[in-house]
Amino acid sequence: MKQTHRRESSRGKILDLIRVSGPVSRVELADMTGLTQATISTAVRSLLNDGVVLETGRGESTGGKPRMLLELNPASRLGLGVHIGQDYITYVVADLSGRVLGRRRVSGPGDASPMTVVSRITDDIDRLFDALAVDRETVVGMGLAAPGPLDRTEGAMIGAPSFRHWTGFPLRRALSTTTGLHCEFDNDATAAAIGEYWLGATEGYSSYASVYMGSGIGAGIVMDGTIYQGVSSNVGEIGHVSVDANGLPCPCGNIGCLELYASPQVVVAQAAEAAARGELNVPLTGVVSEDFAAVGTAANDGDPVALRLIGRSAEYLASAVISMVNLLDLQLVVLAGSAFATAGSFYVDTIASALDKRAMARAIHRVEVRMSVNGNDAAALGAATLVLQDRLSPRTLRSVSIA
């Protein structure tokens, strides 16, 4: 049994290296991994037989027979990503290189029952696959991203503020049954962190966090090249870090949680109050994501009230990020999620400035803060790469350590 696991682990490591470093020869793979030539040859033969790797020519001769080069065959396997958010459900189909082949966004679950939404999602997936003319035999599975906290063992959301009536519903099993697809399940922030890695946006950084802000706030954390899951896979709930020890009670049971002061829902509620007083002229629709984007647009246009609301949210978020950086000694913080689409620059500047002044290790190394390369699709694309990653090398993101 252990021998089989080692073979699968070696195969995954080699495939991931070919994906990142190709075109690459078998000899170079042996040098990078420390594996024997026999192990490399066995794994590569298996990958070639499965069609996920191609021999694409010969490299320059170093005195002997030119080495055959290996490259990923991106179209050989596809992953489907589904992100269930409060206002929208987003679908992404991506290939082995992380390239997006198609996407779809529909309205969120609202008050519909979980099984009704599962039926909707199943129909949406069928329509997306048909529109893209996807060969379903190439789809390795579905990555499902949802707001936490999660019970990954049961594949269920547990008490997420916008999905309280979903608590305990076996979402992963239901969707796997209705779609016939293997289903991986994780929180949206962790999915976003995996997506950043897959698209090469974290190259050179072995320890980083993806701070995801949609309806709530979470963080996906990578330590020494490995996704950190914690005991129950509910790591990174930065939205429920206390930023005011004498603050408001949170439904989670804590006091003064970040989400009570910095989340889009809170900013929109404050904007509605300001609009009612005649202090802010921003059209509000009742859809949190759209209204938060409107406040962000007003801030970009220089509206003083919108600037104050966004600025206050950014300052609270910066305080929580500083605590996370001080605890984990991170090199990079990536901001992902729909909430940063219009106001992201304010958050980047505020958090970066705060880290430069207040992070404990600031004299030793600077912590970079940047926007996600994946924009609004960060969680959905991350979910697609999540299921692909599971088929490559499930225990680690990076196949080799970073110097």
Protein backbone atom coordinates (compact mmCIF):
# COMPACT_ATOMS: atom_id res chain seq x y z
CA MET A 1 0.00 0.00 0.00
CA LYS A 2 2.79 2.43 0.95
CA GLN A 3 4.62 1.56 -2.23
CA THR A 4 1.60 2.57 -4.34
CA HIS A 5 1.39 5.89 -2.50
CA ARG A 6 5.07 6.58 -3.24
CA ARG A 7 4.54 5.84 -6.92
CA GLU A 8 1.55 8.18 -7.07
CA SER A 9 3.45 10.86 -5.14
CA SER A 10 6.43 10.62 -7.52
CA ARG A 11 4.16 10.75 -10.56
CA GLY A 12 2.40 13.81 -9.19
CA LYS A 13 5.65 15.56 -8.38
CA ILE A 14 7.04 14.87 -11.85
CA LEU A 15 3.86 15.99 -13.62
CA ASP A 16 3.79 19.21 -11.60
CA LEU A 17 7.43 19.92 -12.45
CA ILE A 18 6.79 19.32 -16.16
CA ARG A 19 3.83 21.71 -15.91
CA VAL A 20 5.92 24.42 -14.27
CA SER A 21 9.33 23.88 -15.95
CA GLY A 22 8.63 22.25 -19.33
CA PRO A 23 9.99 21.60 -21.83
CA VAL A 24 12.29 19.56 -19.65
CA SER A 25 14.26 16.33 -20.06
CA ARG A 26 14.17 13.20 -17.93
CA VAL A 27 17.72 13.89 -16.77
CA GLU A 28 16.73 17.38 -15.62
CA LEU A 29 13.74 15.94 -13.76
CA ALA A 30 16.04 13.52 -11.94
CA ASP A 31 18.34 16.41 -10.97
CA MET A 32 15.42 18.51 -9.69
CA THR A 33 13.71 15.74 -7.72
CA GLY A 34 16.55 13.54 -6.55
CA LEU A 35 14.62 10.52 -7.83
CA THR A 36 16.39 7.71 -9.66
CA GLN A 37 16.37 7.53 -13.46
CA ALA A 38 14.37 4.31 -13.21
CA THR A 39 11.66 6.02 -11.12
CA ILE A 40 11.59 8.97 -13.51
CA SER A 41 11.32 6.69 -16.55
CA THR A 42 8.47 4.67 -15.02
CA ALA A 43 6.50 7.77 -14.06
CA VAL A 44 7.07 9.50 -17.39
CA ARG A 45 6.02 6.38 -19.31
CA SER A 46 2.78 6.33 -17.30
CA LEU A 47 2.16 10.02 -18.00
CA LEU A 48 2.83 9.56 -21.71
CA ASN A 49 0.47 6.59 -21.86
CA ASP A 50 -2.24 8.69 -20.19
CA GLY A 51 -1.71 11.48 -22.70
CA VAL A 52 -1.11 14.18 -20.09
CA VAL A 53 2.52 14.62 -21.18
CA LEU A 54 3.96 14.83 -24.68
CA GLU A 55 7.44 14.35 -26.11
CA THR A 56 7.98 17.53 -28.10
CA GLY A 57 11.45 17.27 -29.59
CA ARG A 58 15.05 16.99 -28.59
CA GLY A 59 17.19 19.38 -26.61
CA GLU A 60 20.70 20.44 -27.54
CA SER A 61 23.29 17.69 -27.37
CA THR A 62 25.81 17.85 -24.52
CA GLY A 63 28.13 15.39 -26.19
CA GLY A 64 25.94 12.32 -26.28
CA LYS A 65 22.52 11.53 -27.65
CA PRO A 66 20.21 14.61 -27.54
CA ARG A 67 17.72 14.43 -24.70
CA MET A 68 14.03 14.10 -25.46
CA LEU A 69 12.04 17.00 -24.04
CA LEU A 70 8.75 16.64 -22.20
CA GLU A 71 5.87 19.09 -22.05
CA LEU A 72 2.43 19.15 -20.51
CA ASN A 73 -0.53 18.42 -22.75
CA PRO A 74 -2.89 21.04 -21.25
CA ALA A 75 -6.03 20.01 -23.12
CA SER A 76 -5.75 16.38 -21.98
CA ARG A 77 -7.44 17.09 -18.65
CA LEU A 78 -9.93 19.76 -17.60
CA GLY A 79 -11.14 20.91 -14.21
CA LEU A 80 -14.47 22.51 -13.35
CA GLY A 81 -14.57 25.15 -10.62
CA VAL A 82 -17.79 26.20 -8.89
CA HIS A 83 -17.86 29.04 -6.39
CA ILE A 84 -21.04 29.42 -4.36
CA GLY A 85 -21.25 32.98 -3.06
CA GLN A 86 -23.99 35.03 -1.48
CA ASP A 87 -24.89 37.05 -4.58
CA TYR A 88 -23.53 34.89 -7.41
CA ILE A 89 -22.60 31.35 -8.36
CA THR A 90 -19.56 31.34 -10.66
CA TYR A 91 -18.41 28.50 -12.93
CA VAL A 92 -14.99 28.17 -14.58
CA VAL A 93 -13.59 25.44 -16.83
CA ALA A 94 -9.77 25.38 -16.92
CA ASP A 95 -7.16 23.13 -18.49
CA LEU A 96 -4.01 21.68 -16.93
CA SER A 97 -2.09 24.90 -17.50
CA GLY A 98 -4.70 26.92 -15.63
CA ARG A 99 -5.99 28.55 -18.82
CA VAL A 100 -9.68 29.43 -18.59
CA LEU A 101 -11.67 27.84 -21.43
CA GLY A 102 -15.02 29.24 -20.37
CA ARG A 103 -16.90 30.83 -17.49
CA ARG A 104 -20.46 31.50 -16.43
CA ARG A 105 -21.94 33.59 -13.62
CA VAL A 106 -25.52 33.36 -12.41
CA SER A 107 -27.50 34.80 -9.51
CA GLY A 108 -26.81 33.49 -6.02
CA PRO A 109 -28.80 30.91 -4.04
CA GLY A 110 -30.95 33.42 -2.15
CA ASP A 111 -33.44 31.68 0.13
CA ALA A 112 -33.83 28.62 -2.12
CA SER A 113 -33.43 25.21 -0.53
CA PRO A 114 -30.06 23.48 -0.94
CA MET A 115 -31.51 20.75 -3.18
CA THR A 116 -33.13 23.36 -5.41
CA VAL A 117 -29.77 25.07 -5.81
CA VAL A 118 -28.03 21.74 -6.45
CA SER A 119 -30.49 21.11 -9.28
CA ARG A 120 -29.79 24.59 -10.69
CA ILE A 121 -26.04 24.07 -10.50
CA THR A 122 -26.30 20.71 -12.26
CA ASP A 123 -28.28 22.28 -15.13
CA ASP A 124 -25.85 25.21 -15.34
CA ILE A 125 -22.90 22.83 -15.63
CA ASP A 126 -24.59 20.88 -18.43
CA ARG A 127 -25.26 24.12 -20.32
CA LEU A 128 -21.69 25.33 -19.87
CA PHE A 129 -20.19 22.04 -21.03
CA ASP A 130 -22.51 21.99 -24.05
CA ALA A 131 -21.67 25.60 -24.97
CA LEU A 132 -17.92 24.82 -24.81
CA ALA A 133 -18.32 21.44 -26.57
CA VAL A 134 -16.39 19.86 -23.71
CA ASP A 135 -15.41 16.21 -24.01
CA ARG A 136 -16.62 15.09 -20.59
CA GLU A 137 -14.12 12.24 -20.55
CA THR A 138 -11.39 14.86 -20.12
CA VAL A 139 -13.02 16.45 -17.04
CA VAL A 140 -11.22 15.06 -13.98
CA GLY A 141 -13.74 16.50 -11.55
CA MET A 142 -15.30 19.50 -9.91
CA GLY A 143 -13.70 21.80 -7.37
CA LEU A 144 -16.28 23.38 -5.11
CA ALA A 145 -15.47 26.60 -3.22
CA ALA A 146 -17.78 27.93 -0.53
CA PRO A 147 -17.59 30.30 2.43
CA GLY A 148 -16.50 28.77 5.72
CA PRO A 149 -16.60 27.32 8.21
CA LEU A 150 -16.75 23.95 6.48
CA ASP A 151 -16.90 20.31 7.44
CA ARG A 152 -14.68 18.93 4.68
CA THR A 153 -15.16 15.36 5.86
CA GLU A 154 -18.90 15.58 5.31
CA GLY A 155 -18.62 18.11 2.47
CA ALA A 156 -20.91 20.61 4.15
CA MET A 157 -21.06 24.26 5.16
CA ILE A 158 -21.43 24.82 8.88
CA GLY A 159 -22.97 28.09 10.00
CA ALA A 160 -21.74 30.41 7.24
CA PRO A 161 -23.64 33.70 7.88
CA SER A 162 -25.33 33.80 4.46
CA PHE A 163 -25.96 30.05 4.37
CA ARG A 164 -27.24 29.16 7.82
CA HIS A 165 -30.08 27.07 6.37
CA TRP A 166 -27.42 25.01 4.54
CA THR A 167 -25.71 23.92 7.76
CA GLY A 168 -25.00 20.19 7.63
CA PHE A 169 -26.38 19.73 4.11
CA PRO A 170 -24.08 17.21 2.29
CA LEU A 171 -23.34 19.54 -0.60
CA ARG A 172 -20.34 17.69 -1.99
CA ARG A 173 -22.13 14.33 -2.04
CA ALA A 174 -25.28 15.84 -3.56
CA LEU A 175 -23.43 17.53 -6.42
CA SER A 176 -21.22 14.51 -7.03
CA THR A 177 -24.38 12.41 -7.33
CA THR A 178 -26.31 14.75 -9.64
CA THR A 179 -23.34 15.58 -11.93
CA GLY A 180 -21.49 12.27 -11.84
CA LEU A 181 -18.26 14.18 -11.20
CA HIS A 182 -15.62 13.60 -8.56
CA CYS A 183 -15.89 16.60 -6.23
CA GLU A 184 -13.23 18.34 -4.12
CA PHE A 185 -14.43 20.80 -1.48
CA ASP A 186 -12.67 23.72 0.20
CA ASN A 187 -13.25 27.26 1.39
CA ASP A 188 -13.09 30.10 -1.12
CA ALA A 189 -9.97 31.71 0.34
CA THR A 190 -7.93 28.49 0.16
CA ALA A 191 -9.14 27.90 -3.40
CA ALA A 192 -8.02 31.43 -4.34
CA ALA A 193 -4.55 30.77 -2.86
CA ILE A 194 -4.18 27.61 -4.96
CA GLY A 195 -5.28 29.49 -8.08
CA GLU A 196 -2.59 32.14 -7.54
CA TYR A 197 0.07 29.46 -7.44
CA TRP A 198 -1.19 27.70 -10.54
CA LEU A 199 -1.03 30.85 -12.63
CA GLY A 200 2.51 31.56 -11.47
CA ALA A 201 1.58 34.71 -9.55
CA THR A 202 3.42 33.59 -6.41
CA GLU A 203 6.64 32.48 -8.09
CA GLY A 204 9.54 33.10 -5.73
CA TYR A 205 7.36 33.13 -2.60
CA SER A 206 7.20 30.02 -0.44
CA SER A 207 5.01 31.52 2.30
CA TYR A 208 2.06 33.73 1.45
CA ALA A 209 -1.61 34.36 2.16
CA SER A 210 -4.52 35.05 -0.13
CA VAL A 211 -6.98 37.31 1.68
CA TYR A 212 -10.39 36.71 0.11
CA MET A 213 -13.21 39.19 0.58
CA GLY A 214 -16.63 38.43 -0.85
CA SER A 215 -19.62 38.43 1.44
CA GLY A 216 -17.21 37.59 4.28
CA ILE A 217 -13.45 37.69 4.81
CA GLY A 218 -11.10 34.71 4.90
CA ALA A 219 -7.50 33.80 4.16
CA GLY A 220 -5.87 30.91 2.34
CA ILE A 221 -2.40 30.26 3.77
CA VAL A 222 0.61 28.63 2.13
CA MET A 223 3.57 27.76 4.35
CA ASP A 224 6.84 26.53 2.85
CA GLY A 225 5.06 25.70 -0.39
CA THR A 226 2.23 23.70 1.19
CA ILE A 227 -1.38 24.71 1.72
CA TYR A 228 -1.94 24.86 5.47
CA GLN A 229 -5.31 23.31 6.36
CA GLY A 230 -5.31 23.18 10.15
CA VAL A 231 -6.95 20.43 12.20
CA SER A 232 -10.40 20.69 10.59
CA SER A 233 -9.52 22.55 7.37
CA ASN A 234 -10.90 25.80 8.76
CA VAL A 235 -7.66 27.72 8.93
CA GLY A 236 -7.51 31.39 7.92
CA GLU A 237 -10.83 32.66 9.31
CA ILE A 238 -9.36 36.15 9.51
CA GLY A 239 -12.85 37.62 9.38
CA HIS A 240 -13.36 36.29 12.89
CA VAL A 241 -10.15 37.65 14.36
CA SER A 242 -11.08 40.14 17.08
CA VAL A 243 -10.08 43.71 16.19
CA ASP A 244 -11.89 45.20 19.19
CA ALA A 245 -11.76 43.29 22.47
CA ASN A 246 -14.64 45.42 23.79
CA GLY A 247 -16.54 45.44 20.52
CA LEU A 248 -19.75 44.09 19.12
CA PRO A 249 -20.81 40.47 19.70
CA CYS A 250 -20.51 38.35 16.57
CA PRO A 251 -22.92 35.53 15.62
CA CYS A 252 -19.87 33.24 15.57
CA GLY A 253 -19.59 33.64 19.36
CA ASN A 254 -16.52 35.90 19.38
CA ILE A 255 -16.37 39.60 20.24
CA GLY A 256 -15.33 42.44 17.93
CA CYS A 257 -14.74 40.30 14.83
CA LEU A 258 -13.18 41.92 11.76
CA GLU A 259 -16.27 41.18 9.63
CA LEU A 260 -18.38 43.37 11.93
CA TYR A 261 -16.26 46.40 10.96
CA ALA A 262 -14.76 45.76 7.53
CA SER A 263 -16.98 43.44 5.47
CA PRO A 264 -18.83 44.63 2.34
CA GLN A 265 -22.15 44.08 4.12
CA VAL A 266 -21.15 46.49 6.91
CA VAL A 267 -19.79 49.09 4.48
CA VAL A 268 -23.02 48.92 2.44
CA ALA A 269 -25.15 49.30 5.59
CA GLN A 270 -23.13 52.36 6.56
CA ALA A 271 -23.50 53.73 3.03
CA ALA A 272 -27.28 53.27 3.20
CA GLU A 273 -27.38 55.22 6.44
CA ALA A 274 -25.28 58.01 4.91
CA ALA A 275 -27.54 58.07 1.84
CA ALA A 276 -30.62 58.33 4.07
CA ARG A 277 -29.07 61.38 5.73
CA GLY A 278 -28.40 62.90 2.32
CA GLU A 279 -24.62 62.67 2.77
CA LEU A 280 -23.95 60.14 0.00
CA ASN A 281 -25.42 59.99 -3.48
CA VAL A 282 -24.85 56.38 -4.49
CA PRO A 283 -27.54 54.19 -6.13
CA LEU A 284 -28.12 51.16 -3.89
CA THR A 285 -29.85 48.04 -5.21
CA GLY A 286 -30.02 45.80 -2.15
CA VAL A 287 -27.47 43.40 -3.66
CA VAL A 288 -24.43 43.66 -1.38
CA SER A 289 -21.77 42.99 -4.01
CA GLU A 290 -23.25 45.53 -6.44
CA ASP A 291 -23.75 48.16 -3.74
CA PHE A 292 -20.22 47.71 -2.40
CA ALA A 293 -18.89 48.13 -5.95
CA ALA A 294 -20.92 51.34 -6.23
CA VAL A 295 -19.38 52.69 -3.02
CA GLY A 296 -15.94 51.73 -4.35
CA THR A 297 -16.61 53.56 -7.59
CA ALA A 298 -17.70 56.65 -5.64
CA ALA A 299 -14.47 56.45 -3.63
CA ASN A 300 -12.46 56.26 -6.85
CA ASP A 301 -14.31 59.40 -7.99
CA GLY A 302 -13.25 61.20 -4.83
CA ASP A 303 -16.51 61.21 -2.86
CA PRO A 304 -15.43 62.03 0.72
CA VAL A 305 -18.04 59.87 2.46
CA ALA A 306 -17.30 56.85 0.25
CA LEU A 307 -13.58 57.40 0.82
CA ARG A 308 -14.13 57.44 4.56
CA LEU A 309 -16.18 54.22 4.52
CA ILE A 310 -13.74 52.32 2.32
CA GLY A 311 -10.77 53.75 4.22
CA ARG A 312 -12.14 52.62 7.58
CA SER A 313 -12.79 49.11 6.23
CA ALA A 314 -9.25 48.98 4.82
CA GLU A 315 -7.73 50.09 8.12
CA TYR A 316 -9.53 47.37 10.07
CA LEU A 317 -8.49 44.77 7.50
CA ALA A 318 -4.89 46.02 7.70
CA SER A 319 -4.87 45.49 11.48
CA ALA A 320 -5.98 41.88 11.07
CA VAL A 321 -3.47 41.26 8.26
CA ILE A 322 -0.65 42.61 10.44
CA SER A 323 -1.57 40.11 13.16
CA MET A 324 -1.59 37.29 10.58
CA VAL A 325 1.78 38.37 9.14
CA ASN A 326 3.34 38.67 12.61
CA LEU A 327 2.11 35.19 13.57
CA LEU A 328 3.15 33.44 10.34
CA ASP A 329 6.07 35.57 9.05
CA LEU A 330 4.68 35.78 5.52
CA GLN A 331 6.40 37.19 2.44
CA LEU A 332 3.36 38.07 0.33
CA VAL A 333 -0.30 38.98 0.80
CA VAL A 334 -2.61 38.68 -2.21
CA LEU A 335 -6.03 40.33 -2.17
CA ALA A 336 -8.66 38.30 -4.00
CA GLY A 337 -12.42 38.33 -4.39
CA SER A 338 -15.16 40.42 -5.94
CA ALA A 339 -15.08 43.01 -3.15
CA PHE A 340 -11.68 44.23 -4.31
CA ALA A 341 -12.75 44.70 -7.94
CA THR A 342 -13.39 48.45 -7.73
CA ALA A 343 -11.78 49.51 -4.44
CA GLY A 344 -8.79 47.17 -4.44
CA SER A 345 -6.17 49.90 -4.80
CA PHE A 346 -7.29 51.53 -1.53
CA TYR A 347 -6.89 48.24 0.33
CA VAL A 348 -3.51 47.47 -1.25
CA ASP A 349 -2.13 50.90 -0.34
CA THR A 350 -3.55 50.90 3.20
CA ILE A 351 -2.40 47.37 4.04
CA ALA A 352 1.05 47.83 2.48
CA SER A 353 1.59 51.10 4.34
CA ALA A 354 0.50 49.56 7.64
CA LEU A 355 2.80 46.57 7.18
CA ASP A 356 5.74 48.83 6.35
CA LYS A 357 5.23 50.70 9.62
CA ARG A 358 3.97 48.03 12.01
CA ALA A 359 4.98 44.50 10.95
CA MET A 360 7.44 42.99 13.45
CA ALA A 361 9.93 41.76 10.83
CA ARG A 362 9.77 44.89 8.64
CA ALA A 363 13.48 45.65 9.19
CA ILE A 364 14.39 42.17 7.94
CA HIS A 365 12.08 41.77 4.95
CA ARG A 366 9.26 43.70 3.37
CA VAL A 367 5.87 42.05 2.92
CA GLU A 368 4.54 42.63 -0.57
CA VAL A 369 0.83 43.31 -1.02
CA ARG A 370 -0.78 42.90 -4.43
CA MET A 371 -4.07 42.25 -6.15
CA SER A 372 -4.97 38.78 -7.38
CA VAL A 373 -4.28 37.99 -11.02
CA ASN A 374 -7.64 36.19 -11.14
CA GLY A 375 -9.96 39.11 -10.40
CA ASN A 376 -13.58 38.22 -9.66
CA ASP A 377 -13.00 34.60 -10.68
CA ALA A 378 -10.32 33.92 -8.05
CA ALA A 379 -12.31 31.40 -6.02
CA ALA A 380 -13.90 29.65 -9.01
CA LEU A 381 -10.63 29.35 -10.92
CA GLY A 382 -8.92 28.27 -7.74
CA ALA A 383 -11.58 25.59 -7.31
CA ALA A 384 -10.93 24.32 -10.84
CA THR A 385 -7.20 24.13 -10.15
CA LEU A 386 -7.97 22.55 -6.76
CA VAL A 387 -9.35 19.43 -8.40
CA LEU A 388 -6.54 19.43 -10.97
CA GLN A 389 -3.98 19.84 -8.18
CA ASP A 390 -5.51 16.87 -6.41
CA ARG A 391 -4.83 14.82 -9.50
CA LEU A 392 -1.22 16.04 -9.64
CA SER A 393 0.27 16.17 -6.18
CA PRO A 394 -2.34 16.58 -3.48
CA ARG A 395 -0.06 17.13 -0.50
CA THR A 396 1.97 20.06 -1.74
CA LEU A 397 1.85 22.95 -4.18
CA ARG A 398 5.52 23.22 -4.90
CA SER A 399 7.46 20.17 -6.03
CA VAL A 400 10.82 21.61 -5.07
CA SER A 401 11.76 23.96 -2.29
CA ILE A 402 12.42 27.61 -3.08
CA ALA A 403 15.85 28.89 -2.22
